[in-house]
Amino acid sequence: MPAYHSVFNDDTSARQVGNMALLPINTKIRGPAPLAADPSQPDIIEESLDLFRANCLFRNFEIKGPADRLMIYLILFISECLTKLSPTPGKPSPGYQEASKILQTQAVDTFALPGDAGFPLNSLYRPPASRIDADALRSYLTQTRSELAIRLVDRLYPYEQVVGQDGQPTGQTGSRSTKPSKWWMSFQKRRFMGRSLSA
């Protein structure tokens, strides 16, 4: 079974920095990303979240376009976020509010760009052509990382179902889960393409 590729690879109108696409996203976070023409349609962040669990099972991935490079980056960032939220001896996983703060800090923290010595995928990515392009890419990735962090926390801590006296769900939603979803956290040690953004 082959890995899943981005449906945005065919979008020739998207600006590229190096060989990574700067695609439109649905967000209220300020930044240089173009806004999606149709907010009801999934964007690259939603696609990365949807394909994360399936794609992180693959060690090999054939890049078919600039949108795939952005998706790879976002999938590796999701892995980094899950690692940040994983429990350690003496420290359980954080609740929803604390997880939001941790991931927002992670999103805006200093990170390497293609061409930098600390970037783990330099063999697959071209560096930005100029300092202006590098600044644009850093701003764009900071914005997409911030939006992804918000959406990831919402998926990790879903609303719990209200259960009636008969033990059956009432169809109403209660408060957010106090622990991150085990269906997501079970992928924290999986490394898409055997890579990590932090190493």
Protein backbone atom coordinates (compact mmCIF):
# COMPACT_ATOMS: atom_id res chain seq x y z
CA MET A 1 0.00 0.00 0.00
CA PRO A 2 1.51 3.36 -1.01
CA ALA A 3 1.68 6.42 1.25
CA TYR A 4 -0.90 9.17 0.84
CA HIS A 5 0.12 12.29 -1.08
CA SER A 6 -1.21 15.82 -0.85
CA VAL A 7 -4.12 16.75 -3.08
CA PHE A 8 -2.59 20.25 -3.29
CA ASN A 9 0.37 19.09 -5.43
CA ASP A 10 -1.58 20.17 -8.51
CA ASP A 11 -2.04 23.73 -7.22
CA THR A 12 0.32 25.65 -9.52
CA SER A 13 -0.86 29.05 -8.26
CA ALA A 14 0.75 28.63 -4.82
CA ARG A 15 3.94 30.56 -4.11
CA GLN A 16 7.03 28.43 -3.52
CA VAL A 17 10.04 29.18 -1.38
CA GLY A 18 12.87 26.81 -2.19
CA ASN A 19 10.77 23.86 -3.31
CA MET A 20 8.12 24.04 -0.56
CA ALA A 21 4.63 25.38 -1.34
CA LEU A 22 3.13 28.20 0.74
CA LEU A 23 -0.49 27.11 0.51
CA PRO A 24 -3.64 28.95 1.64
CA ILE A 25 -4.96 27.99 5.10
CA ASN A 26 -8.11 28.61 7.12
CA THR A 27 -6.97 30.58 10.16
CA LYS A 28 -7.60 33.60 12.35
CA ILE A 29 -3.91 33.77 13.30
CA ARG A 30 -2.15 36.72 11.71
CA GLY A 31 0.57 35.96 9.23
CA PRO A 32 1.57 35.87 5.56
CA ALA A 33 -0.40 32.75 4.57
CA PRO A 34 -3.04 33.41 1.94
CA LEU A 35 -6.57 32.71 3.17
CA ALA A 36 -8.35 29.76 1.59
CA ALA A 37 -10.87 30.74 -1.07
CA ASP A 38 -13.47 28.32 0.35
CA PRO A 39 -13.19 27.95 4.15
CA SER A 40 -15.55 24.94 4.09
CA GLN A 41 -12.94 22.91 2.17
CA PRO A 42 -10.07 21.19 4.02
CA ASP A 43 -6.71 22.95 3.86
CA ILE A 44 -3.15 21.54 4.05
CA ILE A 45 -3.26 21.56 7.87
CA GLU A 46 -6.46 19.50 7.94
CA GLU A 47 -5.01 17.16 5.32
CA SER A 48 -1.82 16.68 7.38
CA LEU A 49 -3.85 15.91 10.52
CA ASP A 50 -6.07 13.46 8.61
CA LEU A 51 -3.13 11.65 6.99
CA PHE A 52 -0.75 11.74 9.96
CA ARG A 53 -1.57 8.33 11.45
CA ALA A 54 -1.61 6.55 8.09
CA ASN A 55 1.53 8.18 6.70
CA CYS A 56 3.69 7.92 9.80
CA LEU A 57 3.72 4.14 9.31
CA PHE A 58 5.88 4.65 6.19
CA ARG A 59 9.66 4.91 6.23
CA ASN A 60 9.82 5.75 2.50
CA PHE A 61 7.86 8.49 0.80
CA GLU A 62 8.11 9.55 -2.83
CA ILE A 63 7.72 13.33 -3.03
CA LYS A 64 5.40 14.22 -5.91
CA GLY A 65 5.27 17.99 -5.54
CA PRO A 66 5.86 21.07 -3.39
CA ALA A 67 2.71 20.46 -1.32
CA ASP A 68 4.10 17.05 -0.29
CA ARG A 69 7.13 18.83 1.19
CA LEU A 70 4.90 21.06 3.29
CA MET A 71 2.82 18.06 4.37
CA ILE A 72 5.99 16.16 5.40
CA TYR A 73 7.08 19.14 7.49
CA LEU A 74 3.67 19.40 9.20
CA ILE A 75 3.50 15.65 9.89
CA LEU A 76 6.94 15.81 11.52
CA PHE A 77 5.75 18.78 13.57
CA ILE A 78 2.72 16.76 14.75
CA SER A 79 5.12 14.01 15.90
CA GLU A 80 7.15 16.61 17.79
CA CYS A 81 3.96 17.89 19.48
CA LEU A 82 2.88 14.40 20.57
CA THR A 83 6.33 13.82 22.07
CA LYS A 84 6.00 17.09 24.03
CA LEU A 85 2.70 15.93 25.52
CA SER A 86 3.73 12.36 26.31
CA PRO A 87 3.79 11.35 29.97
CA THR A 88 7.13 10.77 31.69
CA PRO A 89 7.84 9.04 35.00
CA GLY A 90 6.41 11.22 37.75
CA LYS A 91 4.71 13.58 35.26
CA PRO A 92 1.38 12.61 33.67
CA SER A 93 0.13 14.00 30.37
CA PRO A 94 -1.17 17.58 30.69
CA GLY A 95 -4.83 18.58 30.53
CA TYR A 96 -6.40 20.54 27.67
CA GLN A 97 -5.46 24.05 28.84
CA GLU A 98 -1.86 23.18 29.70
CA ALA A 99 -1.45 21.22 26.45
CA SER A 100 -2.66 24.28 24.51
CA LYS A 101 -0.02 26.44 26.17
CA ILE A 102 2.75 23.87 25.63
CA LEU A 103 1.96 23.46 21.93
CA GLN A 104 1.56 27.19 21.28
CA THR A 105 4.99 27.73 22.82
CA GLN A 106 6.35 24.89 20.69
CA ALA A 107 4.82 26.45 17.56
CA VAL A 108 6.56 29.81 17.96
CA ASP A 109 9.82 28.42 19.35
CA THR A 110 12.98 28.82 17.25
CA PHE A 111 13.24 26.24 14.46
CA ALA A 112 15.59 25.45 11.58
CA LEU A 113 14.71 26.17 7.95
CA PRO A 114 15.83 24.25 4.86
CA GLY A 115 19.51 24.98 4.33
CA ASP A 116 20.22 25.51 8.05
CA ALA A 117 22.63 23.07 9.70
CA GLY A 118 19.95 21.78 12.11
CA PHE A 119 17.29 21.05 9.48
CA PRO A 120 16.90 17.24 9.23
CA LEU A 121 15.66 17.06 5.63
CA ASN A 122 18.22 19.17 3.79
CA SER A 123 18.70 16.44 1.18
CA LEU A 124 15.02 16.78 0.13
CA TYR A 125 14.49 20.54 0.43
CA ARG A 126 16.11 23.46 -1.41
CA PRO A 127 17.05 26.40 0.80
CA PRO A 128 15.32 29.76 0.32
CA ALA A 129 16.97 31.81 -2.45
CA SER A 130 17.32 34.99 -0.39
CA ARG A 131 17.04 36.43 3.11
CA ILE A 132 13.61 37.84 2.21
CA ASP A 133 12.41 34.38 1.12
CA ALA A 134 13.82 32.85 4.32
CA ASP A 135 11.93 35.41 6.44
CA ALA A 136 8.73 34.76 4.47
CA LEU A 137 9.11 30.99 4.93
CA ARG A 138 9.79 31.36 8.67
CA SER A 139 6.71 33.59 9.11
CA TYR A 140 4.54 31.22 7.09
CA LEU A 141 5.71 28.12 8.99
CA THR A 142 5.22 29.87 12.34
CA GLN A 143 1.65 30.71 11.34
CA THR A 144 0.87 27.18 10.10
CA ARG A 145 2.52 25.59 13.17
CA SER A 146 0.39 27.80 15.44
CA GLU A 147 -2.84 26.92 13.62
CA LEU A 148 -1.90 23.23 13.56
CA ALA A 149 -1.24 23.29 17.32
CA ILE A 150 -4.75 24.65 17.98
CA ARG A 151 -6.41 22.02 15.80
CA LEU A 152 -4.25 19.19 17.15
CA VAL A 153 -5.16 19.96 20.78
CA ASP A 154 -8.85 19.95 19.83
CA ARG A 155 -8.43 16.47 18.31
CA LEU A 156 -6.32 15.17 21.19
CA TYR A 157 -8.84 16.29 23.82
CA PRO A 158 -12.30 15.67 22.33
CA TYR A 159 -15.51 16.52 24.13
CA GLU A 160 -16.72 13.58 26.19
CA GLN A 161 -20.17 12.13 25.58
CA VAL A 162 -22.76 12.63 28.31
CA VAL A 163 -24.03 9.25 29.47
CA GLY A 164 -27.61 8.90 30.75
CA GLN A 165 -28.78 6.92 33.76
CA ASP A 166 -29.31 3.89 31.54
CA GLY A 167 -25.61 3.92 30.57
CA GLN A 168 -26.32 5.01 26.99
CA PRO A 169 -24.95 8.21 25.39
CA THR A 170 -27.51 11.04 25.43
CA GLY A 171 -26.13 12.72 22.30
CA GLN A 172 -25.01 15.73 24.32
CA THR A 173 -21.38 16.70 24.73
CA GLY A 174 -19.80 17.31 28.09
CA SER A 175 -16.44 18.74 29.05
CA ARG A 176 -13.18 18.04 27.26
CA SER A 177 -11.30 14.85 27.98
CA THR A 178 -8.75 15.20 30.79
CA LYS A 179 -6.18 13.00 29.02
CA PRO A 180 -5.02 13.05 25.40
CA SER A 181 -6.59 10.48 23.11
CA LYS A 182 -4.82 7.14 23.23
CA TRP A 183 -5.59 6.72 19.53
CA TRP A 184 -3.29 9.68 18.84
CA MET A 185 -0.71 9.21 21.58
CA SER A 186 -0.02 5.63 20.46
CA PHE A 187 1.73 7.18 17.43
CA GLN A 188 4.13 9.33 19.47
CA LYS A 189 7.09 6.99 18.93
CA ARG A 190 6.43 6.48 15.22
CA ARG A 191 8.77 8.46 13.00
CA PHE A 192 7.51 9.32 9.53
CA MET A 193 10.38 8.54 7.11
CA GLY A 194 12.47 7.73 10.19
CA ARG A 195 12.99 11.48 10.73
CA SER A 196 12.31 14.08 13.40
CA LEU A 197 12.37 17.89 13.26
CA SER A 198 14.35 18.06 16.48
CA ALA A 199 17.21 15.84 15.32
